[in-house]
Amino acid sequence: MEDCSLLITVRNDQIHFEGQDVSLEGLANMAGFLQVFAGRESIQRGLDMDDIKDHMLDIHLAAMEAVEAQMGKWLQEGKEER
């Protein structure tokens, strides 16, 4: 994996991010690290491992649905322009 960076900030309930030299591989590795971090923090706060896995799966599925919906919009917009 090449050197890259991702800065995530939350202001006024809005999530902002900026990246530098971020490849898909790098972004996937960082996302995996954030999942491990969130899981570890959840365990330290007393959550059950099965509950953590259920929450993480729900988040993943919702994210993939959002990606699918966005791709559908992009494809529809691309077809309308042609």
N, C-alpha and C. Protein backbone atom coordinates (compact mmCIF):
# COMPACT_ATOMS: atom_id res chain seq x y z
N MET A 1 0.85 -1.17 0.00
CA MET A 1 0.00 0.00 0.00
C MET A 1 0.90 1.24 0.00
N GLU A 2 0.58 2.17 -0.86
CA GLU A 2 1.32 3.43 -0.95
C GLU A 2 0.93 4.36 0.20
N ASP A 3 1.78 5.34 0.49
CA ASP A 3 1.46 6.34 1.50
C ASP A 3 0.24 7.14 1.03
N CYS A 4 -0.68 7.38 1.95
CA CYS A 4 -1.86 8.17 1.65
C CYS A 4 -2.41 8.72 2.96
N SER A 5 -3.35 9.64 2.88
CA SER A 5 -3.95 10.17 4.09
C SER A 5 -5.42 10.46 3.86
N LEU A 6 -6.18 10.40 4.94
CA LEU A 6 -7.60 10.69 4.91
C LEU A 6 -7.92 11.45 6.18
N LEU A 7 -8.46 12.65 6.04
CA LEU A 7 -8.84 13.47 7.18
C LEU A 7 -10.36 13.50 7.25
N ILE A 8 -10.90 13.07 8.39
CA ILE A 8 -12.34 13.05 8.59
C ILE A 8 -12.66 14.01 9.73
N THR A 9 -13.59 14.93 9.47
CA THR A 9 -14.02 15.86 10.51
C THR A 9 -15.54 15.87 10.56
N VAL A 10 -16.06 16.14 11.74
CA VAL A 10 -17.51 16.30 11.92
C VAL A 10 -17.74 17.69 12.49
N ARG A 11 -18.56 18.47 11.79
CA ARG A 11 -18.93 19.81 12.24
C ARG A 11 -20.41 20.00 11.98
N ASN A 12 -21.12 20.47 13.00
CA ASN A 12 -22.55 20.74 12.87
C ASN A 12 -23.31 19.55 12.29
N ASP A 13 -23.00 18.37 12.80
CA ASP A 13 -23.65 17.12 12.36
C ASP A 13 -23.39 16.79 10.89
N GLN A 14 -22.37 17.37 10.29
CA GLN A 14 -21.99 17.08 8.91
C GLN A 14 -20.62 16.41 8.92
N ILE A 15 -20.49 15.32 8.17
CA ILE A 15 -19.20 14.63 8.07
C ILE A 15 -18.50 15.12 6.80
N HIS A 16 -17.26 15.55 6.97
CA HIS A 16 -16.45 16.02 5.85
C HIS A 16 -15.18 15.20 5.79
N PHE A 17 -14.70 14.96 4.59
CA PHE A 17 -13.42 14.28 4.49
C PHE A 17 -12.64 14.80 3.31
N GLU A 18 -11.35 14.69 3.44
CA GLU A 18 -10.46 15.00 2.33
C GLU A 18 -9.34 13.98 2.33
N GLY A 19 -8.94 13.58 1.16
CA GLY A 19 -7.91 12.57 1.05
C GLY A 19 -6.78 13.02 0.16
N GLN A 20 -5.65 12.39 0.36
CA GLN A 20 -4.49 12.68 -0.46
C GLN A 20 -3.86 11.36 -0.89
N ASP A 21 -3.74 11.17 -2.18
CA ASP A 21 -3.13 9.96 -2.75
C ASP A 21 -3.81 8.68 -2.26
N VAL A 22 -5.14 8.71 -2.13
CA VAL A 22 -5.88 7.57 -1.61
C VAL A 22 -6.30 6.66 -2.76
N SER A 23 -5.82 5.43 -2.72
CA SER A 23 -6.23 4.43 -3.69
C SER A 23 -7.39 3.63 -3.09
N LEU A 24 -8.03 2.83 -3.90
CA LEU A 24 -9.10 1.98 -3.40
C LEU A 24 -8.56 1.03 -2.34
N GLU A 25 -7.37 0.48 -2.58
CA GLU A 25 -6.75 -0.42 -1.60
C GLU A 25 -6.49 0.31 -0.28
N GLY A 26 -5.95 1.51 -0.37
CA GLY A 26 -5.67 2.28 0.84
C GLY A 26 -6.94 2.63 1.58
N LEU A 27 -7.97 3.04 0.85
CA LEU A 27 -9.24 3.38 1.48
C LEU A 27 -9.87 2.16 2.14
N ALA A 28 -9.80 1.02 1.48
CA ALA A 28 -10.34 -0.22 2.06
C ALA A 28 -9.59 -0.60 3.33
N ASN A 29 -8.27 -0.46 3.33
CA ASN A 29 -7.48 -0.75 4.53
C ASN A 29 -7.83 0.19 5.67
N MET A 30 -8.00 1.48 5.35
CA MET A 30 -8.37 2.44 6.39
C MET A 30 -9.77 2.15 6.94
N ALA A 31 -10.70 1.79 6.05
CA ALA A 31 -12.05 1.45 6.50
C ALA A 31 -12.02 0.23 7.42
N GLY A 32 -11.21 -0.75 7.08
CA GLY A 32 -11.07 -1.93 7.92
C GLY A 32 -10.50 -1.58 9.29
N PHE A 33 -9.51 -0.69 9.29
CA PHE A 33 -8.94 -0.25 10.56
C PHE A 33 -9.99 0.46 11.41
N LEU A 34 -10.81 1.31 10.78
CA LEU A 34 -11.86 2.01 11.52
C LEU A 34 -12.88 1.04 12.10
N GLN A 35 -13.17 -0.05 11.38
CA GLN A 35 -14.09 -1.06 11.91
C GLN A 35 -13.50 -1.74 13.14
N VAL A 36 -12.22 -2.07 13.07
CA VAL A 36 -11.55 -2.69 14.22
C VAL A 36 -11.55 -1.71 15.40
N PHE A 37 -11.24 -0.46 15.13
CA PHE A 37 -11.22 0.56 16.17
C PHE A 37 -12.60 0.71 16.81
N ALA A 38 -13.64 0.80 15.99
CA ALA A 38 -15.01 0.93 16.51
C ALA A 38 -15.40 -0.30 17.32
N GLY A 39 -15.03 -1.48 16.86
CA GLY A 39 -15.33 -2.70 17.60
C GLY A 39 -14.63 -2.75 18.94
N ARG A 40 -13.36 -2.37 18.95
CA ARG A 40 -12.60 -2.38 20.20
C ARG A 40 -13.17 -1.37 21.19
N GLU A 41 -13.51 -0.18 20.71
CA GLU A 41 -14.10 0.83 21.57
C GLU A 41 -15.45 0.36 22.12
N SER A 42 -16.22 -0.32 21.28
CA SER A 42 -17.53 -0.81 21.71
C SER A 42 -17.40 -1.87 22.79
N ILE A 43 -16.43 -2.76 22.64
CA ILE A 43 -16.19 -3.80 23.65
C ILE A 43 -15.77 -3.14 24.97
N GLN A 44 -14.89 -2.14 24.89
CA GLN A 44 -14.46 -1.45 26.10
C GLN A 44 -15.62 -0.74 26.80
N ARG A 45 -16.65 -0.38 26.03
CA ARG A 45 -17.81 0.30 26.61
C ARG A 45 -18.90 -0.68 27.02
N GLY A 46 -18.60 -1.98 26.93
CA GLY A 46 -19.50 -2.99 27.47
C GLY A 46 -20.49 -3.60 26.49
N LEU A 47 -20.37 -3.32 25.20
CA LEU A 47 -21.29 -3.92 24.24
C LEU A 47 -20.93 -5.38 24.00
N ASP A 48 -21.91 -6.17 23.69
CA ASP A 48 -21.75 -7.60 23.39
C ASP A 48 -21.20 -7.77 21.97
N MET A 49 -20.31 -8.73 21.79
CA MET A 49 -19.67 -8.95 20.49
C MET A 49 -20.71 -9.22 19.39
N ASP A 50 -21.73 -10.01 19.68
CA ASP A 50 -22.76 -10.27 18.67
C ASP A 50 -23.50 -8.99 18.29
N ASP A 51 -23.77 -8.13 19.26
CA ASP A 51 -24.42 -6.85 18.96
C ASP A 51 -23.52 -5.97 18.08
N ILE A 52 -22.23 -5.96 18.40
CA ILE A 52 -21.29 -5.18 17.60
C ILE A 52 -21.27 -5.68 16.16
N LYS A 53 -21.19 -6.99 15.98
CA LYS A 53 -21.17 -7.55 14.63
C LYS A 53 -22.46 -7.23 13.89
N ASP A 54 -23.60 -7.30 14.58
CA ASP A 54 -24.88 -6.96 13.95
C ASP A 54 -24.90 -5.49 13.51
N HIS A 55 -24.42 -4.60 14.39
CA HIS A 55 -24.39 -3.17 14.04
C HIS A 55 -23.46 -2.91 12.86
N MET A 56 -22.30 -3.55 12.88
CA MET A 56 -21.34 -3.36 11.79
C MET A 56 -21.91 -3.86 10.47
N LEU A 57 -22.60 -4.99 10.50
CA LEU A 57 -23.21 -5.52 9.28
C LEU A 57 -24.31 -4.59 8.79
N ASP A 58 -25.12 -4.05 9.70
CA ASP A 58 -26.16 -3.10 9.31
C ASP A 58 -25.56 -1.87 8.64
N ILE A 59 -24.45 -1.36 9.21
CA ILE A 59 -23.78 -0.21 8.63
C ILE A 59 -23.25 -0.53 7.23
N HIS A 60 -22.63 -1.70 7.10
CA HIS A 60 -22.08 -2.12 5.80
C HIS A 60 -23.19 -2.23 4.75
N LEU A 61 -24.28 -2.89 5.11
CA LEU A 61 -25.38 -3.08 4.16
C LEU A 61 -26.00 -1.74 3.76
N ALA A 62 -26.16 -0.83 4.72
CA ALA A 62 -26.71 0.49 4.40
C ALA A 62 -25.77 1.26 3.48
N ALA A 63 -24.47 1.14 3.72
CA ALA A 63 -23.50 1.83 2.87
C ALA A 63 -23.54 1.28 1.44
N MET A 64 -23.63 -0.03 1.30
CA MET A 64 -23.68 -0.63 -0.04
C MET A 64 -24.98 -0.26 -0.76
N GLU A 65 -26.08 -0.15 -0.03
CA GLU A 65 -27.34 0.29 -0.63
C GLU A 65 -27.21 1.74 -1.13
N ALA A 66 -26.53 2.58 -0.35
CA ALA A 66 -26.32 3.97 -0.75
C ALA A 66 -25.45 4.04 -2.01
N VAL A 67 -24.41 3.20 -2.06
CA VAL A 67 -23.55 3.16 -3.25
C VAL A 67 -24.35 2.72 -4.47
N GLU A 68 -25.16 1.69 -4.29
CA GLU A 68 -25.99 1.19 -5.39
C GLU A 68 -26.96 2.26 -5.88
N ALA A 69 -27.58 2.97 -4.96
CA ALA A 69 -28.52 4.03 -5.33
C ALA A 69 -27.80 5.15 -6.07
N GLN A 70 -26.62 5.53 -5.59
CA GLN A 70 -25.85 6.59 -6.25
C GLN A 70 -25.41 6.15 -7.64
N MET A 71 -24.98 4.90 -7.77
CA MET A 71 -24.58 4.39 -9.09
C MET A 71 -25.76 4.42 -10.05
N GLY A 72 -26.94 4.04 -9.55
CA GLY A 72 -28.14 4.09 -10.39
C GLY A 72 -28.40 5.50 -10.89
N LYS A 73 -28.24 6.49 -10.01
CA LYS A 73 -28.43 7.89 -10.42
C LYS A 73 -27.41 8.29 -11.47
N TRP A 74 -26.13 7.93 -11.23
CA TRP A 74 -25.08 8.29 -12.19
C TRP A 74 -25.33 7.64 -13.54
N LEU A 75 -25.73 6.37 -13.52
CA LEU A 75 -26.00 5.69 -14.79
C LEU A 75 -27.18 6.31 -15.50
N GLN A 76 -28.22 6.66 -14.76
CA GLN A 76 -29.41 7.29 -15.36
C GLN A 76 -29.03 8.65 -15.94
N GLU A 77 -28.24 9.44 -15.23
CA GLU A 77 -27.82 10.74 -15.72
C GLU A 77 -26.97 10.59 -16.97
N GLY A 78 -26.10 9.58 -16.98
CA GLY A 78 -25.26 9.34 -18.14
C GLY A 78 -26.07 8.95 -19.37
N LYS A 79 -27.13 8.16 -19.18
CA LYS A 79 -27.99 7.75 -20.29
C LYS A 79 -28.79 8.92 -20.83
N GLU A 80 -29.21 9.84 -19.93
CA GLU A 80 -29.99 10.99 -20.37
C GLU A 80 -29.14 11.96 -21.19
N GLU A 81 -27.85 12.04 -20.89
CA GLU A 81 -26.97 12.96 -21.61
C GLU A 81 -26.64 12.46 -23.00
N ARG A 82 -26.74 11.19 -23.26
CA ARG A 82 -26.37 10.64 -24.56
C ARG A 82 -27.47 10.81 -25.52
